[in-house]
Amino acid sequence: MTHYSCDLCAKELTGEPRYVVKIEAFADQDPAELTEGDFDDDHMEVVSQMIQEMEENEVELELTPASKQFRYDLCGDCHRRFLRDPLGRERAHKVVYSPN
């Protein structure tokens, strides 16, 4: 049997509903508009020149993942809190003062 616990409060999730939250983060890009000049350019030549320059200058590409997926198991209370404030904005603005 698989053991589940809430990924926020660590409460064991045996015998009570378990909520799964899936998040995908990725870079969004607006499509570029094509112009008449775009059809005149030799794009293969431009790419070839870029690769050649990178090889000559020993440039290393720093590749970042195109997307990242997250999966969290939540208890009922944490799930309701997540639905009220999915980005955690309320928590970020709360200031807690010590009692002294």
PDB file of N, CA and C in Angstrom:
ATOM      1  N   MET A   1       0.839  -1.178   0.000  1.00  0.00           N
ATOM      2  CA  MET A   1       0.000   0.000   0.000  1.00  0.00           C
ATOM      3  C   MET A   1       0.885   1.242   0.000  1.00  0.00           C
ATOM      4  N   THR A   2       0.522   2.216  -0.810  1.00  0.00           N
ATOM      5  CA  THR A   2       1.299   3.444  -0.921  1.00  0.00           C
ATOM      6  C   THR A   2       0.916   4.402   0.204  1.00  0.00           C
ATOM      7  N   HIS A   3       1.918   4.999   0.797  1.00  0.00           N
ATOM      8  CA  HIS A   3       1.712   5.957   1.888  1.00  0.00           C
ATOM      9  C   HIS A   3       1.677   7.363   1.292  1.00  0.00           C
ATOM     10  N   TYR A   4       0.629   8.123   1.614  1.00  0.00           N
ATOM     11  CA  TYR A   4       0.513   9.501   1.149  1.00  0.00           C
ATOM     12  C   TYR A   4       0.470  10.432   2.341  1.00  0.00           C
ATOM     13  N   SER A   5       1.134  11.582   2.191  1.00  0.00           N
ATOM     14  CA  SER A   5       1.037  12.636   3.195  1.00  0.00           C
ATOM     15  C   SER A   5       0.934  13.964   2.451  1.00  0.00           C
ATOM     16  N   CYS A   6       0.358  14.950   3.109  1.00  0.00           N
ATOM     17  CA  CYS A   6       0.166  16.258   2.502  1.00  0.00           C
ATOM     18  C   CYS A   6       1.531  16.910   2.285  1.00  0.00           C
ATOM     19  N   ASP A   7       1.749  17.410   1.076  1.00  0.00           N
ATOM     20  CA  ASP A   7       3.034  18.030   0.762  1.00  0.00           C
ATOM     21  C   ASP A   7       3.192  19.414   1.376  1.00  0.00           C
ATOM     22  N   LEU A   8       2.133  19.975   1.961  1.00  0.00           N
ATOM     23  CA  LEU A   8       2.252  21.272   2.633  1.00  0.00           C
ATOM     24  C   LEU A   8       2.374  21.133   4.149  1.00  0.00           C
ATOM     25  N   CYS A   9       1.456  20.386   4.756  1.00  0.00           N
ATOM     26  CA  CYS A   9       1.455  20.309   6.226  1.00  0.00           C
ATOM     27  C   CYS A   9       1.972  18.976   6.761  1.00  0.00           C
ATOM     28  N   ALA A  10       2.281  18.015   5.893  1.00  0.00           N
ATOM     29  CA  ALA A  10       2.826  16.699   6.238  1.00  0.00           C
ATOM     30  C   ALA A  10       1.831  15.789   6.961  1.00  0.00           C
ATOM     31  N   LYS A  11       0.556  16.138   6.976  1.00  0.00           N
ATOM     32  CA  LYS A  11      -0.480  15.312   7.591  1.00  0.00           C
ATOM     33  C   LYS A  11      -0.632  14.016   6.795  1.00  0.00           C
ATOM     34  N   GLU A  12      -0.776  12.889   7.490  1.00  0.00           N
ATOM     35  CA  GLU A  12      -0.990  11.609   6.798  1.00  0.00           C
ATOM     36  C   GLU A  12      -2.361  11.606   6.147  1.00  0.00           C
ATOM     37  N   LEU A  13      -2.433  11.072   4.937  1.00  0.00           N
ATOM     38  CA  LEU A  13      -3.677  11.111   4.174  1.00  0.00           C
ATOM     39  C   LEU A  13      -4.326   9.743   4.062  1.00  0.00           C
ATOM     40  N   THR A  14      -4.321   8.990   5.137  1.00  0.00           N
ATOM     41  CA  THR A  14      -5.002   7.697   5.146  1.00  0.00           C
ATOM     42  C   THR A  14      -6.412   7.891   5.682  1.00  0.00           C
ATOM     43  N   GLY A  15      -7.388   7.416   4.935  1.00  0.00           N
ATOM     44  CA  GLY A  15      -8.767   7.484   5.371  1.00  0.00           C
ATOM     45  C   GLY A  15      -9.465   8.811   5.128  1.00  0.00           C
ATOM     46  N   GLU A  16      -8.818   9.745   4.472  1.00  0.00           N
ATOM     47  CA  GLU A  16      -9.471  11.013   4.143  1.00  0.00           C
ATOM     48  C   GLU A  16      -9.165  11.374   2.700  1.00  0.00           C
ATOM     49  N   PRO A  17      -9.960  12.261   2.126  1.00  0.00           N
ATOM     50  CA  PRO A  17      -9.739  12.595   0.714  1.00  0.00           C
ATOM     51  C   PRO A  17      -8.349  13.193   0.470  1.00  0.00           C
ATOM     52  N   ARG A  18      -7.799  12.835  -0.664  1.00  0.00           N
ATOM     53  CA  ARG A  18      -6.489  13.346  -1.075  1.00  0.00           C
ATOM     54  C   ARG A  18      -6.697  14.107  -2.376  1.00  0.00           C
ATOM     55  N   TYR A  19      -6.160  15.309  -2.447  1.00  0.00           N
ATOM     56  CA  TYR A  19      -6.298  16.149  -3.631  1.00  0.00           C
ATOM     57  C   TYR A  19      -4.942  16.255  -4.323  1.00  0.00           C
ATOM     58  N   VAL A  20      -4.947  16.106  -5.629  1.00  0.00           N
ATOM     59  CA  VAL A  20      -3.722  16.181  -6.412  1.00  0.00           C
ATOM     60  C   VAL A  20      -3.720  17.498  -7.174  1.00  0.00           C
ATOM     61  N   VAL A  21      -2.635  18.254  -7.018  1.00  0.00           N
ATOM     62  CA  VAL A  21      -2.457  19.506  -7.746  1.00  0.00           C
ATOM     63  C   VAL A  21      -1.296  19.309  -8.699  1.00  0.00           C
ATOM     64  N   LYS A  22      -1.556  19.554  -9.992  1.00  0.00           N
ATOM     65  CA  LYS A  22      -0.509  19.451 -11.015  1.00  0.00           C
ATOM     66  C   LYS A  22      -0.286  20.838 -11.600  1.00  0.00           C
ATOM     67  N   ILE A  23       0.979  21.210 -11.694  1.00  0.00           N
ATOM     68  CA  ILE A  23       1.349  22.524 -12.222  1.00  0.00           C
ATOM     69  C   ILE A  23       2.382  22.322 -13.313  1.00  0.00           C
ATOM     70  N   GLU A  24       2.246  23.054 -14.400  1.00  0.00           N
ATOM     71  CA  GLU A  24       3.242  23.025 -15.468  1.00  0.00           C
ATOM     72  C   GLU A  24       3.706  24.453 -15.713  1.00  0.00           C
ATOM     73  N   ALA A  25       5.013  24.667 -15.666  1.00  0.00           N
ATOM     74  CA  ALA A  25       5.590  25.983 -15.921  1.00  0.00           C
ATOM     75  C   ALA A  25       6.400  25.909 -17.208  1.00  0.00           C
ATOM     76  N   PHE A  26       6.141  26.848 -18.104  1.00  0.00           N
ATOM     77  CA  PHE A  26       6.870  26.860 -19.374  1.00  0.00           C
ATOM     78  C   PHE A  26       6.945  28.278 -19.903  1.00  0.00           C
ATOM     79  N   ALA A  27       7.939  28.514 -20.738  1.00  0.00           N
ATOM     80  CA  ALA A  27       8.107  29.824 -21.359  1.00  0.00           C
ATOM     81  C   ALA A  27       7.105  29.955 -22.494  1.00  0.00           C
ATOM     82  N   ASP A  28       6.378  31.042 -22.468  1.00  0.00           N
ATOM     83  CA  ASP A  28       5.405  31.303 -23.518  1.00  0.00           C
ATOM     84  C   ASP A  28       6.018  32.292 -24.495  1.00  0.00           C
ATOM     85  N   GLN A  29       5.684  32.127 -25.754  1.00  0.00           N
ATOM     86  CA  GLN A  29       6.250  33.004 -26.761  1.00  0.00           C
ATOM     87  C   GLN A  29       5.145  33.402 -27.730  1.00  0.00           C
ATOM     88  N   ASP A  30       5.026  34.684 -27.946  1.00  0.00           N
ATOM     89  CA  ASP A  30       4.048  35.161 -28.916  1.00  0.00           C
ATOM     90  C   ASP A  30       4.555  34.849 -30.317  1.00  0.00           C
ATOM     91  N   PRO A  31       3.683  34.404 -31.187  1.00  0.00           N
ATOM     92  CA  PRO A  31       4.125  34.121 -32.547  1.00  0.00           C
ATOM     93  C   PRO A  31       4.544  35.405 -33.255  1.00  0.00           C
ATOM     94  N   ALA A  32       5.645  35.327 -33.971  1.00  0.00           N
ATOM     95  CA  ALA A  32       6.131  36.487 -34.709  1.00  0.00           C
ATOM     96  C   ALA A  32       5.296  36.668 -35.975  1.00  0.00           C
ATOM     97  N   GLU A  33       5.141  37.906 -36.367  1.00  0.00           N
ATOM     98  CA  GLU A  33       4.420  38.176 -37.604  1.00  0.00           C
ATOM     99  C   GLU A  33       5.382  38.050 -38.775  1.00  0.00           C
ATOM    100  N   LEU A  34       4.945  37.401 -39.817  1.00  0.00           N
ATOM    101  CA  LEU A  34       5.761  37.251 -41.016  1.00  0.00           C
ATOM    102  C   LEU A  34       5.598  38.471 -41.911  1.00  0.00           C
ATOM    103  N   THR A  35       6.711  38.882 -42.474  1.00  0.00           N
ATOM    104  CA  THR A  35       6.689  39.980 -43.440  1.00  0.00           C
ATOM    105  C   THR A  35       7.212  39.453 -44.767  1.00  0.00           C
ATOM    106  N   GLU A  36       7.085  40.240 -45.806  1.00  0.00           N
ATOM    107  CA  GLU A  36       7.605  39.842 -47.123  1.00  0.00           C
ATOM    108  C   GLU A  36       9.107  39.609 -47.071  1.00  0.00           C
ATOM    109  N   GLY A  37       9.809  40.398 -46.253  1.00  0.00           N
ATOM    110  CA  GLY A  37      11.260  40.252 -46.134  1.00  0.00           C
ATOM    111  C   GLY A  37      11.670  38.910 -45.556  1.00  0.00           C
ATOM    112  N   ASP A  38      10.812  38.322 -44.713  1.00  0.00           N
ATOM    113  CA  ASP A  38      11.116  37.019 -44.120  1.00  0.00           C
ATOM    114  C   ASP A  38      11.207  35.929 -45.183  1.00  0.00           C
ATOM    115  N   PHE A  39      10.439  36.069 -46.235  1.00  0.00           N
ATOM    116  CA  PHE A  39      10.458  35.061 -47.296  1.00  0.00           C
ATOM    117  C   PHE A  39      11.674  35.211 -48.203  1.00  0.00           C
ATOM    118  N   ASP A  40      12.292  36.383 -48.194  1.00  0.00           N
ATOM    119  CA  ASP A  40      13.447  36.634 -49.051  1.00  0.00           C
ATOM    120  C   ASP A  40      14.743  36.134 -48.417  1.00  0.00           C
ATOM    121  N   ASP A  41      14.798  36.066 -47.083  1.00  0.00           N
ATOM    122  CA  ASP A  41      16.025  35.670 -46.383  1.00  0.00           C
ATOM    123  C   ASP A  41      16.294  34.182 -46.543  1.00  0.00           C
ATOM    124  N   ASP A  42      17.582  33.829 -46.561  1.00  0.00           N
ATOM    125  CA  ASP A  42      17.989  32.426 -46.571  1.00  0.00           C
ATOM    126  C   ASP A  42      18.278  32.029 -45.122  1.00  0.00           C
ATOM    127  N   HIS A  43      17.295  31.471 -44.455  1.00  0.00           N
ATOM    128  CA  HIS A  43      17.417  31.170 -43.032  1.00  0.00           C
ATOM    129  C   HIS A  43      18.434  30.074 -42.744  1.00  0.00           C
ATOM    130  N   MET A  44      18.585  29.139 -43.639  1.00  0.00           N
ATOM    131  CA  MET A  44      19.574  28.079 -43.437  1.00  0.00           C
ATOM    132  C   MET A  44      20.983  28.670 -43.435  1.00  0.00           C
ATOM    133  N   GLU A  45      21.227  29.652 -44.232  1.00  0.00           N
ATOM    134  CA  GLU A  45      22.533  30.307 -44.266  1.00  0.00           C
ATOM    135  C   GLU A  45      22.774  31.069 -42.975  1.00  0.00           C
ATOM    136  N   VAL A  46      21.749  31.751 -42.479  1.00  0.00           N
ATOM    137  CA  VAL A  46      21.881  32.508 -41.226  1.00  0.00           C
ATOM    138  C   VAL A  46      22.185  31.557 -40.068  1.00  0.00           C
ATOM    139  N   VAL A  47      21.474  30.451 -39.975  1.00  0.00           N
ATOM    140  CA  VAL A  47      21.705  29.478 -38.908  1.00  0.00           C
ATOM    141  C   VAL A  47      23.105  28.888 -39.032  1.00  0.00           C
ATOM    142  N   SER A  48      23.525  28.579 -40.237  1.00  0.00           N
ATOM    143  CA  SER A  48      24.860  28.026 -40.464  1.00  0.00           C
ATOM    144  C   SER A  48      25.939  29.003 -39.992  1.00  0.00           C
ATOM    145  N   GLN A  49      25.774  30.276 -40.296  1.00  0.00           N
ATOM    146  CA  GLN A  49      26.742  31.282 -39.855  1.00  0.00           C
ATOM    147  C   GLN A  49      26.765  31.387 -38.331  1.00  0.00           C
ATOM    148  N   MET A  50      25.595  31.338 -37.694  1.00  0.00           N
ATOM    149  CA  MET A  50      25.537  31.415 -36.235  1.00  0.00           C
ATOM    150  C   MET A  50      26.272  30.241 -35.594  1.00  0.00           C
ATOM    151  N   ILE A  51      26.076  29.056 -36.133  1.00  0.00           N
ATOM    152  CA  ILE A  51      26.749  27.865 -35.597  1.00  0.00           C
ATOM    153  C   ILE A  51      28.249  27.975 -35.776  1.00  0.00           C
ATOM    154  N   GLN A  52      28.668  28.435 -36.933  1.00  0.00           N
ATOM    155  CA  GLN A  52      30.099  28.580 -37.211  1.00  0.00           C
ATOM    156  C   GLN A  52      30.729  29.584 -36.239  1.00  0.00           C
ATOM    157  N   GLU A  53      30.067  30.726 -36.010  1.00  0.00           N
ATOM    158  CA  GLU A  53      30.578  31.726 -35.072  1.00  0.00           C
ATOM    159  C   GLU A  53      30.667  31.167 -33.659  1.00  0.00           C
ATOM    160  N   MET A  54      29.667  30.382 -33.257  1.00  0.00           N
ATOM    161  CA  MET A  54      29.684  29.793 -31.928  1.00  0.00           C
ATOM    162  C   MET A  54      30.832  28.806 -31.777  1.00  0.00           C
ATOM    163  N   GLU A  55      31.090  28.028 -32.816  1.00  0.00           N
ATOM    164  CA  GLU A  55      32.192  27.063 -32.766  1.00  0.00           C
ATOM    165  C   GLU A  55      33.531  27.769 -32.721  1.00  0.00           C
ATOM    166  N   GLU A  56      33.678  28.843 -33.497  1.00  0.00           N
ATOM    167  CA  GLU A  56      34.936  29.593 -33.517  1.00  0.00           C
ATOM    168  C   GLU A  56      35.210  30.269 -32.184  1.00  0.00           C
ATOM    169  N   ASN A  57      34.172  30.759 -31.532  1.00  0.00           N
ATOM    170  CA  ASN A  57      34.318  31.459 -30.252  1.00  0.00           C
ATOM    171  C   ASN A  57      34.165  30.526 -29.061  1.00  0.00           C
ATOM    172  N   GLU A  58      33.991  29.231 -29.328  1.00  0.00           N
ATOM    173  CA  GLU A  58      33.826  28.213 -28.294  1.00  0.00           C
ATOM    174  C   GLU A  58      32.712  28.586 -27.308  1.00  0.00           C
ATOM    175  N   VAL A  59      31.607  29.020 -27.838  1.00  0.00           N
ATOM    176  CA  VAL A  59      30.449  29.385 -27.025  1.00  0.00           C
ATOM    177  C   VAL A  59      29.689  28.115 -26.675  1.00  0.00           C
ATOM    178  N   GLU A  60      29.385  27.949 -25.387  1.00  0.00           N
ATOM    179  CA  GLU A  60      28.599  26.803 -24.953  1.00  0.00           C
ATOM    180  C   GLU A  60      27.164  27.258 -24.702  1.00  0.00           C
ATOM    181  N   LEU A  61      26.242  26.484 -25.196  1.00  0.00           N
ATOM    182  CA  LEU A  61      24.840  26.804 -24.977  1.00  0.00           C
ATOM    183  C   LEU A  61      24.424  26.387 -23.579  1.00  0.00           C
ATOM    184  N   GLU A  62      23.722  27.278 -22.912  1.00  0.00           N
ATOM    185  CA  GLU A  62      23.166  26.944 -21.603  1.00  0.00           C
ATOM    186  C   GLU A  62      21.694  26.632 -21.823  1.00  0.00           C
ATOM    187  N   LEU A  63      21.392  25.359 -21.851  1.00  0.00           N
ATOM    188  CA  LEU A  63      20.024  24.938 -22.142  1.00  0.00           C
ATOM    189  C   LEU A  63      19.223  24.815 -20.859  1.00  0.00           C
ATOM    190  N   THR A  64      18.063  25.410 -20.871  1.00  0.00           N
ATOM    191  CA  THR A  64      17.145  25.270 -19.745  1.00  0.00           C
ATOM    192  C   THR A  64      15.978  24.418 -20.210  1.00  0.00           C
ATOM    193  N   PRO A  65      15.388  23.672 -19.307  1.00  0.00           N
ATOM    194  CA  PRO A  65      14.273  22.825 -19.731  1.00  0.00           C
ATOM    195  C   PRO A  65      13.135  23.670 -20.304  1.00  0.00           C
ATOM    196  N   ALA A  66      12.510  23.143 -21.343  1.00  0.00           N
ATOM    197  CA  ALA A  66      11.420  23.870 -21.987  1.00  0.00           C
ATOM    198  C   ALA A  66      10.216  23.978 -21.059  1.00  0.00           C
ATOM    199  N   SER A  67      10.021  22.975 -20.237  1.00  0.00           N
ATOM    200  CA  SER A  67       8.924  23.043 -19.279  1.00  0.00           C
ATOM    201  C   SER A  67       9.286  22.220 -18.047  1.00  0.00           C
ATOM    202  N   LYS A  68       8.599  22.520 -16.984  1.00  0.00           N
ATOM    203  CA  LYS A  68       8.812  21.808 -15.725  1.00  0.00           C
ATOM    204  C   LYS A  68       7.440  21.483 -15.165  1.00  0.00           C
ATOM    205  N   GLN A  69       7.258  20.246 -14.753  1.00  0.00           N
ATOM    206  CA  GLN A  69       5.976  19.823 -14.205  1.00  0.00           C
ATOM    207  C   GLN A  69       6.137  19.474 -12.732  1.00  0.00           C
ATOM    208  N   PHE A  70       5.122  19.842 -11.953  1.00  0.00           N
ATOM    209  CA  PHE A  70       5.114  19.586 -10.522  1.00  0.00           C
ATOM    210  C   PHE A  70       3.823  18.846 -10.176  1.00  0.00           C
ATOM    211  N   ARG A  71       3.892  17.998  -9.150  1.00  0.00           N
ATOM    212  CA  ARG A  71       2.718  17.265  -8.680  1.00  0.00           C
ATOM    213  C   ARG A  71       2.754  17.251  -7.165  1.00  0.00           C
ATOM    214  N   TYR A  72       1.641  17.646  -6.548  1.00  0.00           N
ATOM    215  CA  TYR A  72       1.563  17.712  -5.096  1.00  0.00           C
ATOM    216  C   TYR A  72       0.304  17.013  -4.604  1.00  0.00           C
ATOM    217  N   ASP A  73       0.408  16.316  -3.480  1.00  0.00           N
ATOM    218  CA  ASP A  73      -0.734  15.718  -2.793  1.00  0.00           C
ATOM    219  C   ASP A  73      -1.075  16.632  -1.623  1.00  0.00           C
ATOM    220  N   LEU A  74      -2.366  16.995  -1.526  1.00  0.00           N
ATOM    221  CA  LEU A  74      -2.792  17.907  -0.462  1.00  0.00           C
ATOM    222  C   LEU A  74      -3.954  17.324   0.324  1.00  0.00           C
ATOM    223  N   CYS A  75      -4.005  17.669   1.607  1.00  0.00           N
ATOM    224  CA  CYS A  75      -5.162  17.316   2.426  1.00  0.00           C
ATOM    225  C   CYS A  75      -6.284  18.308   2.110  1.00  0.00           C
ATOM    226  N   GLY A  76      -7.458  18.084   2.640  1.00  0.00           N
ATOM    227  CA  GLY A  76      -8.604  18.940   2.361  1.00  0.00           C
ATOM    228  C   GLY A  76      -8.380  20.396   2.766  1.00  0.00           C
ATOM    229  N   ASP A  77      -7.818  20.623   3.956  1.00  0.00           N
ATOM    230  CA  ASP A  77      -7.588  21.994   4.422  1.00  0.00           C
ATOM    231  C   ASP A  77      -6.589  22.733   3.529  1.00  0.00           C
ATOM    232  N   CYS A  78      -5.491  22.092   3.209  1.00  0.00           N
ATOM    233  CA  CYS A  78      -4.470  22.735   2.372  1.00  0.00           C
ATOM    234  C   CYS A  78      -4.989  22.941   0.950  1.00  0.00           C
ATOM    235  N   HIS A  79      -5.825  22.017   0.485  1.00  0.00           N
ATOM    236  CA  HIS A  79      -6.415  22.164  -0.845  1.00  0.00           C
ATOM    237  C   HIS A  79      -7.313  23.401  -0.901  1.00  0.00           C
ATOM    238  N   ARG A  80      -8.144  23.611   0.134  1.00  0.00           N
ATOM    239  CA  ARG A  80      -9.002  24.802   0.171  1.00  0.00           C
ATOM    240  C   ARG A  80      -8.171  26.080   0.235  1.00  0.00           C
ATOM    241  N   ARG A  81      -7.091  26.072   1.028  1.00  0.00           N
ATOM    242  CA  ARG A  81      -6.206  27.246   1.096  1.00  0.00           C
ATOM    243  C   ARG A  81      -5.548  27.502  -0.252  1.00  0.00           C
ATOM    244  N   PHE A  82      -5.139  26.436  -0.928  1.00  0.00           N
ATOM    245  CA  PHE A  82      -4.515  26.571  -2.251  1.00  0.00           C
ATOM    246  C   PHE A  82      -5.497  27.179  -3.251  1.00  0.00           C
ATOM    247  N   LEU A  83      -6.750  26.729  -3.237  1.00  0.00           N
ATOM    248  CA  LEU A  83      -7.740  27.254  -4.173  1.00  0.00           C
ATOM    249  C   LEU A  83      -8.048  28.731  -3.916  1.00  0.00           C
ATOM    250  N   ARG A  84      -8.000  29.161  -2.652  1.00  0.00           N
ATOM    251  CA  ARG A  84      -8.231  30.573  -2.323  1.00  0.00           C
ATOM    252  C   ARG A  84      -7.069  31.454  -2.775  1.00  0.00           C
ATOM    253  N   ASP A  85      -5.854  30.928  -2.689  1.00  0.00           N
ATOM    254  CA  ASP A  85      -4.662  31.740  -2.977  1.00  0.00           C
ATOM    255  C   ASP A  85      -3.581  30.866  -3.620  1.00  0.00           C
ATOM    256  N   PRO A  86      -3.760  30.485  -4.895  1.00  0.00           N
ATOM    257  CA  PRO A  86      -2.835  29.530  -5.523  1.00  0.00           C
ATOM    258  C   PRO A  86      -1.392  30.024  -5.635  1.00  0.00           C
ATOM    259  N   LEU A  87      -1.173  31.329  -5.693  1.00  0.00           N
ATOM    260  CA  LEU A  87       0.192  31.843  -5.817  1.00  0.00           C
ATOM    261  C   LEU A  87       0.809  32.234  -4.478  1.00  0.00           C
ATOM    262  N   GLY A  88       0.075  32.080  -3.390  1.00  0.00           N
ATOM    263  CA  GLY A  88       0.615  32.374  -2.060  1.00  0.00           C
ATOM    264  C   GLY A  88       0.819  33.858  -1.806  1.00  0.00           C
ATOM    265  N   ARG A  89       0.032  34.699  -2.445  1.00  0.00           N
ATOM    266  CA  ARG A  89       0.193  36.145  -2.276  1.00  0.00           C
ATOM    267  C   ARG A  89      -0.162  36.612  -0.866  1.00  0.00           C
ATOM    268  N   GLU A  90      -1.182  36.005  -0.271  1.00  0.00           N
ATOM    269  CA  GLU A  90      -1.573  36.398   1.092  1.00  0.00           C
ATOM    270  C   GLU A  90      -0.443  36.127   2.070  1.00  0.00           C
ATOM    271  N   ARG A  91       0.163  34.962   1.975  1.00  0.00           N
ATOM    272  CA  ARG A  91       1.263  34.603   2.882  1.00  0.00           C
ATOM    273  C   ARG A  91       2.455  35.511   2.696  1.00  0.00           C
ATOM    274  N   ALA A  92       2.725  35.929   1.484  1.00  0.00           N
ATOM    275  CA  ALA A  92       3.894  36.753   1.204  1.00  0.00           C
ATOM    276  C   ALA A  92       3.784  38.144   1.846  1.00  0.00           C
ATOM    277  N   HIS A  93       2.560  38.625   2.035  1.00  0.00           N
ATOM    278  CA  HIS A  93       2.374  39.966   2.576  1.00  0.00           C
ATOM    279  C   HIS A  93       2.134  40.001   4.075  1.00  0.00           C
ATOM    280  N   LYS A  94       1.990  38.851   4.708  1.00  0.00           N
ATOM    281  CA  LYS A  94       1.766  38.823   6.146  1.00  0.00           C
ATOM    282  C   LYS A  94       3.078  39.061   6.886  1.00  0.00           C
ATOM    283  N   VAL A  95       3.029  39.958   7.861  1.00  0.00           N
ATOM    284  CA  VAL A  95       4.186  40.217   8.692  1.00  0.00           C
ATOM    285  C   VAL A  95       3.899  39.652  10.060  1.00  0.00           C
ATOM    286  N   VAL A  96       4.812  38.833  10.573  1.00  0.00           N
ATOM    287  CA  VAL A  96       4.637  38.229  11.890  1.00  0.00           C
ATOM    288  C   VAL A  96       5.641  38.847  12.835  1.00  0.00           C
ATOM    289  N   TYR A  97       5.119  39.399  13.941  1.00  0.00           N
ATOM    290  CA  TYR A  97       5.972  40.039  14.949  1.00  0.00           C
ATOM    291  C   TYR A  97       6.147  39.092  16.126  1.00  0.00           C
ATOM    292  N   SER A  98       7.321  39.086  16.706  1.00  0.00           N
ATOM    293  CA  SER A  98       7.566  38.240  17.868  1.00  0.00           C
ATOM    294  C   SER A  98       6.892  38.860  19.094  1.00  0.00           C
ATOM    295  N   PRO A  99       6.542  38.026  20.095  1.00  0.00           N
ATOM    296  CA  PRO A  99       5.810  38.535  21.264  1.00  0.00           C
ATOM    297  C   PRO A  99       6.645  39.360  22.223  1.00  0.00           C
ATOM    298  N   ASN A 100       7.929  39.521  22.033  1.00  0.00           N
ATOM    299  CA  ASN A 100       8.739  40.249  23.018  1.00  0.00           C
ATOM    300  C   ASN A 100       8.735  41.721  22.813  1.00  0.00           C
TER     301      ASN A 100
END
